[in-house]
Amino acid sequence: MAGVIFVATAAQSEERKRMTEEEKTVLATVENMTSSLEKGDVDGIMSTYRDGAAIMFEPGQAVTDSAIARQIFSQMIAAKPEVTYNGHEVYVSGDTAVHIAPWSMVGTAPDGAKIEQGGLSVAVLRLKADGNWKMVIDNPYGARLLTE
């Protein structure tokens, strides 16, 4: 079974050790989303987002309707994606956090062609009253302005 490569290098292992417990909890939300994507669990994916979250499935175009997001995630799952992160930065200020990570993904298109994508993920999370962090903005194309 495909798996998310959360800590691929010694440097990333050290990076995680330097994180506060709150930063690790924020990172766990992102890791849970990615793991759910790879397992084909749409409910698991959606559980990591707040209602009305802005998700960029295409550069510069936010989807905030959860029914549409579910549909798009279902289509993504069909590609059997395998996601790799190349490091993580997490910053927390009160009830708001940002997660930044370079990523790459491979999968298979319906016609059998290999899909390869990558970018810089920038996600904003908010702390809920129940103590769980949920994504409110998820932009996997955070570096696009650097290449335009």
C-alpha atoms as a PDB file:
ATOM      1  CA  MET A   1       0.000   0.000   0.000  1.00  0.00           C
ATOM      2  CA  ALA A   2       1.183   3.509  -0.776  1.00  0.00           C
ATOM      3  CA  GLY A   3       2.263   5.587   2.162  1.00  0.00           C
ATOM      4  CA  VAL A   4       2.967   9.189   2.868  1.00  0.00           C
ATOM      5  CA  ILE A   5       6.633   9.878   3.398  1.00  0.00           C
ATOM      6  CA  PHE A   6       6.404  12.191   6.388  1.00  0.00           C
ATOM      7  CA  VAL A   7       9.985  12.027   7.584  1.00  0.00           C
ATOM      8  CA  ALA A   8      12.207  11.025   4.681  1.00  0.00           C
ATOM      9  CA  THR A   9      15.556  12.340   5.869  1.00  0.00           C
ATOM     10  CA  ALA A  10      17.582  12.786   9.022  1.00  0.00           C
ATOM     11  CA  ALA A  11      17.168  16.561   8.622  1.00  0.00           C
ATOM     12  CA  GLN A  12      13.386  16.186   8.606  1.00  0.00           C
ATOM     13  CA  SER A  13      13.567  13.964  11.671  1.00  0.00           C
ATOM     14  CA  GLU A  14      15.531  16.688  13.453  1.00  0.00           C
ATOM     15  CA  GLU A  15      13.023  19.260  12.203  1.00  0.00           C
ATOM     16  CA  ARG A  16      10.184  17.334  13.872  1.00  0.00           C
ATOM     17  CA  LYS A  17      12.139  17.041  17.121  1.00  0.00           C
ATOM     18  CA  ARG A  18      12.439  20.839  17.260  1.00  0.00           C
ATOM     19  CA  MET A  19       8.684  21.331  16.865  1.00  0.00           C
ATOM     20  CA  THR A  20       6.537  22.190  19.852  1.00  0.00           C
ATOM     21  CA  GLU A  21       3.720  19.797  20.727  1.00  0.00           C
ATOM     22  CA  GLU A  22       1.222  22.291  19.255  1.00  0.00           C
ATOM     23  CA  GLU A  23       3.185  22.435  15.987  1.00  0.00           C
ATOM     24  CA  LYS A  24       3.246  18.626  15.871  1.00  0.00           C
ATOM     25  CA  THR A  25      -0.538  18.594  16.349  1.00  0.00           C
ATOM     26  CA  VAL A  26      -0.946  21.010  13.418  1.00  0.00           C
ATOM     27  CA  LEU A  27       1.356  18.836  11.299  1.00  0.00           C
ATOM     28  CA  ALA A  28      -0.683  15.759  12.256  1.00  0.00           C
ATOM     29  CA  THR A  29      -3.796  17.378  10.748  1.00  0.00           C
ATOM     30  CA  VAL A  30      -2.009  17.825   7.413  1.00  0.00           C
ATOM     31  CA  GLU A  31      -0.583  14.300   7.596  1.00  0.00           C
ATOM     32  CA  ASN A  32      -4.059  12.906   8.336  1.00  0.00           C
ATOM     33  CA  MET A  33      -5.453  14.661   5.274  1.00  0.00           C
ATOM     34  CA  THR A  34      -2.701  13.287   3.057  1.00  0.00           C
ATOM     35  CA  SER A  35      -2.966   9.788   4.483  1.00  0.00           C
ATOM     36  CA  SER A  36      -6.739   9.819   3.958  1.00  0.00           C
ATOM     37  CA  LEU A  37      -6.217  10.918   0.348  1.00  0.00           C
ATOM     38  CA  GLU A  38      -3.859   8.016  -0.286  1.00  0.00           C
ATOM     39  CA  LYS A  39      -6.240   5.546   1.403  1.00  0.00           C
ATOM     40  CA  GLY A  40      -9.237   6.786  -0.586  1.00  0.00           C
ATOM     41  CA  ASP A  41     -11.086   8.051   2.487  1.00  0.00           C
ATOM     42  CA  VAL A  42     -13.064  11.148   1.447  1.00  0.00           C
ATOM     43  CA  ASP A  43     -14.686  11.472   4.889  1.00  0.00           C
ATOM     44  CA  GLY A  44     -11.235  11.397   6.477  1.00  0.00           C
ATOM     45  CA  ILE A  45     -10.012  14.080   4.089  1.00  0.00           C
ATOM     46  CA  MET A  46     -12.999  16.329   4.745  1.00  0.00           C
ATOM     47  CA  SER A  47     -12.665  15.908   8.515  1.00  0.00           C
ATOM     48  CA  THR A  48      -9.412  17.896   8.373  1.00  0.00           C
ATOM     49  CA  TYR A  49     -11.147  20.981   6.936  1.00  0.00           C
ATOM     50  CA  ARG A  50     -13.483  23.534   8.495  1.00  0.00           C
ATOM     51  CA  ASP A  51     -16.807  24.115   6.760  1.00  0.00           C
ATOM     52  CA  GLY A  52     -16.332  26.643   3.984  1.00  0.00           C
ATOM     53  CA  ALA A  53     -12.577  26.104   3.784  1.00  0.00           C
ATOM     54  CA  ALA A  54     -10.920  27.540   0.664  1.00  0.00           C
ATOM     55  CA  ILE A  55      -9.219  24.669  -1.169  1.00  0.00           C
ATOM     56  CA  MET A  56      -7.197  25.409  -4.288  1.00  0.00           C
ATOM     57  CA  PHE A  57      -7.519  22.403  -6.579  1.00  0.00           C
ATOM     58  CA  GLU A  58      -6.230  24.621  -9.391  1.00  0.00           C
ATOM     59  CA  PRO A  59      -3.778  27.506  -9.005  1.00  0.00           C
ATOM     60  CA  GLY A  60      -5.560  30.707  -8.000  1.00  0.00           C
ATOM     61  CA  GLN A  61      -9.056  29.154  -7.916  1.00  0.00           C
ATOM     62  CA  ALA A  62     -10.576  28.470  -4.490  1.00  0.00           C
ATOM     63  CA  VAL A  63     -13.369  25.958  -3.951  1.00  0.00           C
ATOM     64  CA  THR A  64     -15.380  26.630  -0.782  1.00  0.00           C
ATOM     65  CA  ASP A  65     -18.381  24.349  -1.381  1.00  0.00           C
ATOM     66  CA  SER A  66     -17.814  21.096   0.530  1.00  0.00           C
ATOM     67  CA  ALA A  67     -19.948  19.056  -1.906  1.00  0.00           C
ATOM     68  CA  ILE A  68     -17.761  20.174  -4.808  1.00  0.00           C
ATOM     69  CA  ALA A  69     -14.603  19.546  -2.753  1.00  0.00           C
ATOM     70  CA  ARG A  70     -15.815  15.996  -1.989  1.00  0.00           C
ATOM     71  CA  GLN A  71     -16.404  15.382  -5.692  1.00  0.00           C
ATOM     72  CA  ILE A  72     -12.956  16.656  -6.666  1.00  0.00           C
ATOM     73  CA  PHE A  73     -11.248  14.648  -3.916  1.00  0.00           C
ATOM     74  CA  SER A  74     -13.114  11.539  -5.134  1.00  0.00           C
ATOM     75  CA  GLN A  75     -11.705  12.137  -8.612  1.00  0.00           C
ATOM     76  CA  MET A  76      -8.219  12.606  -7.172  1.00  0.00           C
ATOM     77  CA  ILE A  77      -8.509   9.335  -5.241  1.00  0.00           C
ATOM     78  CA  ALA A  78      -9.167   7.492  -8.482  1.00  0.00           C
ATOM     79  CA  ALA A  79      -5.600   8.378  -9.533  1.00  0.00           C
ATOM     80  CA  LYS A  80      -4.243   6.456  -6.515  1.00  0.00           C
ATOM     81  CA  PRO A  81      -1.960   9.329  -5.521  1.00  0.00           C
ATOM     82  CA  GLU A  82       1.270   8.872  -3.598  1.00  0.00           C
ATOM     83  CA  VAL A  83       2.398  12.089  -1.918  1.00  0.00           C
ATOM     84  CA  THR A  84       5.864  12.938  -0.676  1.00  0.00           C
ATOM     85  CA  TYR A  85       6.781  15.977   1.402  1.00  0.00           C
ATOM     86  CA  ASN A  86      10.291  17.409   1.419  1.00  0.00           C
ATOM     87  CA  GLY A  87      10.237  19.019   4.858  1.00  0.00           C
ATOM     88  CA  HIS A  88       7.675  20.907   6.891  1.00  0.00           C
ATOM     89  CA  GLU A  89       7.527  24.304   8.532  1.00  0.00           C
ATOM     90  CA  VAL A  90       4.782  24.969  11.046  1.00  0.00           C
ATOM     91  CA  TYR A  91       4.163  28.250  12.809  1.00  0.00           C
ATOM     92  CA  VAL A  92       1.511  28.790  15.480  1.00  0.00           C
ATOM     93  CA  SER A  93       0.191  32.084  16.819  1.00  0.00           C
ATOM     94  CA  GLY A  94      -2.708  31.722  19.212  1.00  0.00           C
ATOM     95  CA  ASP A  95      -5.541  29.918  17.432  1.00  0.00           C
ATOM     96  CA  THR A  96      -4.003  30.290  13.955  1.00  0.00           C
ATOM     97  CA  ALA A  97      -1.275  28.217  12.321  1.00  0.00           C
ATOM     98  CA  VAL A  98       0.435  27.979   8.955  1.00  0.00           C
ATOM     99  CA  HIS A  99       1.969  24.838   7.458  1.00  0.00           C
ATOM    100  CA  ILE A 100       4.442  25.172   4.580  1.00  0.00           C
ATOM    101  CA  ALA A 101       5.879  22.190   2.720  1.00  0.00           C
ATOM    102  CA  PRO A 102       7.295  21.339  -0.698  1.00  0.00           C
ATOM    103  CA  TRP A 103       5.461  18.307  -2.084  1.00  0.00           C
ATOM    104  CA  SER A 104       5.377  15.947  -5.024  1.00  0.00           C
ATOM    105  CA  MET A 105       2.723  13.490  -6.119  1.00  0.00           C
ATOM    106  CA  VAL A 106       2.562  10.622  -8.557  1.00  0.00           C
ATOM    107  CA  GLY A 107      -0.577   8.857  -9.689  1.00  0.00           C
ATOM    108  CA  THR A 108      -2.265   7.250 -12.657  1.00  0.00           C
ATOM    109  CA  ALA A 109      -4.739   8.954 -15.013  1.00  0.00           C
ATOM    110  CA  PRO A 110      -7.869   7.090 -16.156  1.00  0.00           C
ATOM    111  CA  ASP A 111      -6.123   6.284 -19.457  1.00  0.00           C
ATOM    112  CA  GLY A 112      -3.201   4.718 -17.570  1.00  0.00           C
ATOM    113  CA  ALA A 113      -0.796   7.614 -18.116  1.00  0.00           C
ATOM    114  CA  LYS A 114       1.483   8.545 -15.242  1.00  0.00           C
ATOM    115  CA  ILE A 115       0.580  11.789 -13.449  1.00  0.00           C
ATOM    116  CA  GLU A 116       3.348  13.791 -11.772  1.00  0.00           C
ATOM    117  CA  GLN A 117       2.779  17.064  -9.934  1.00  0.00           C
ATOM    118  CA  GLY A 118       4.530  19.100  -7.304  1.00  0.00           C
ATOM    119  CA  GLY A 119       4.535  22.440  -5.622  1.00  0.00           C
ATOM    120  CA  LEU A 120       4.718  24.317  -2.375  1.00  0.00           C
ATOM    121  CA  SER A 121       1.834  23.707  -0.015  1.00  0.00           C
ATOM    122  CA  VAL A 122       0.722  26.617   2.139  1.00  0.00           C
ATOM    123  CA  ALA A 123      -2.117  25.798   4.524  1.00  0.00           C
ATOM    124  CA  VAL A 124      -3.710  27.983   7.174  1.00  0.00           C
ATOM    125  CA  LEU A 125      -5.323  26.203  10.112  1.00  0.00           C
ATOM    126  CA  ARG A 126      -7.509  27.377  12.964  1.00  0.00           C
ATOM    127  CA  LEU A 127      -7.885  25.841  16.402  1.00  0.00           C
ATOM    128  CA  LYS A 128     -11.440  24.798  17.188  1.00  0.00           C
ATOM    129  CA  ALA A 129     -12.990  24.991  20.651  1.00  0.00           C
ATOM    130  CA  ASP A 130     -12.684  21.186  20.932  1.00  0.00           C
ATOM    131  CA  GLY A 131      -8.871  21.462  20.610  1.00  0.00           C
ATOM    132  CA  ASN A 132      -8.632  20.160  17.039  1.00  0.00           C
ATOM    133  CA  TRP A 133      -6.843  22.035  14.272  1.00  0.00           C
ATOM    134  CA  LYS A 134      -8.743  22.320  10.975  1.00  0.00           C
ATOM    135  CA  MET A 135      -7.594  23.724   7.651  1.00  0.00           C
ATOM    136  CA  VAL A 136      -9.335  26.913   6.516  1.00  0.00           C
ATOM    137  CA  ILE A 137      -7.110  27.615   3.497  1.00  0.00           C
ATOM    138  CA  ASP A 138      -5.271  24.896   1.560  1.00  0.00           C
ATOM    139  CA  ASN A 139      -3.128  26.090  -1.323  1.00  0.00           C
ATOM    140  CA  PRO A 140      -0.825  23.413  -2.756  1.00  0.00           C
ATOM    141  CA  TYR A 141       0.302  25.907  -5.429  1.00  0.00           C
ATOM    142  CA  GLY A 142       1.921  28.431  -3.090  1.00  0.00           C
ATOM    143  CA  ALA A 143       4.999  28.836  -5.313  1.00  0.00           C
ATOM    144  CA  ARG A 144       3.169  29.580  -8.565  1.00  0.00           C
ATOM    145  CA  LEU A 145       3.838  33.307  -8.424  1.00  0.00           C
ATOM    146  CA  LEU A 146       7.563  32.632  -8.409  1.00  0.00           C
ATOM    147  CA  THR A 147       7.366  30.952 -11.806  1.00  0.00           C
ATOM    148  CA  GLU A 148       4.962  33.335 -13.558  1.00  0.00           C
END
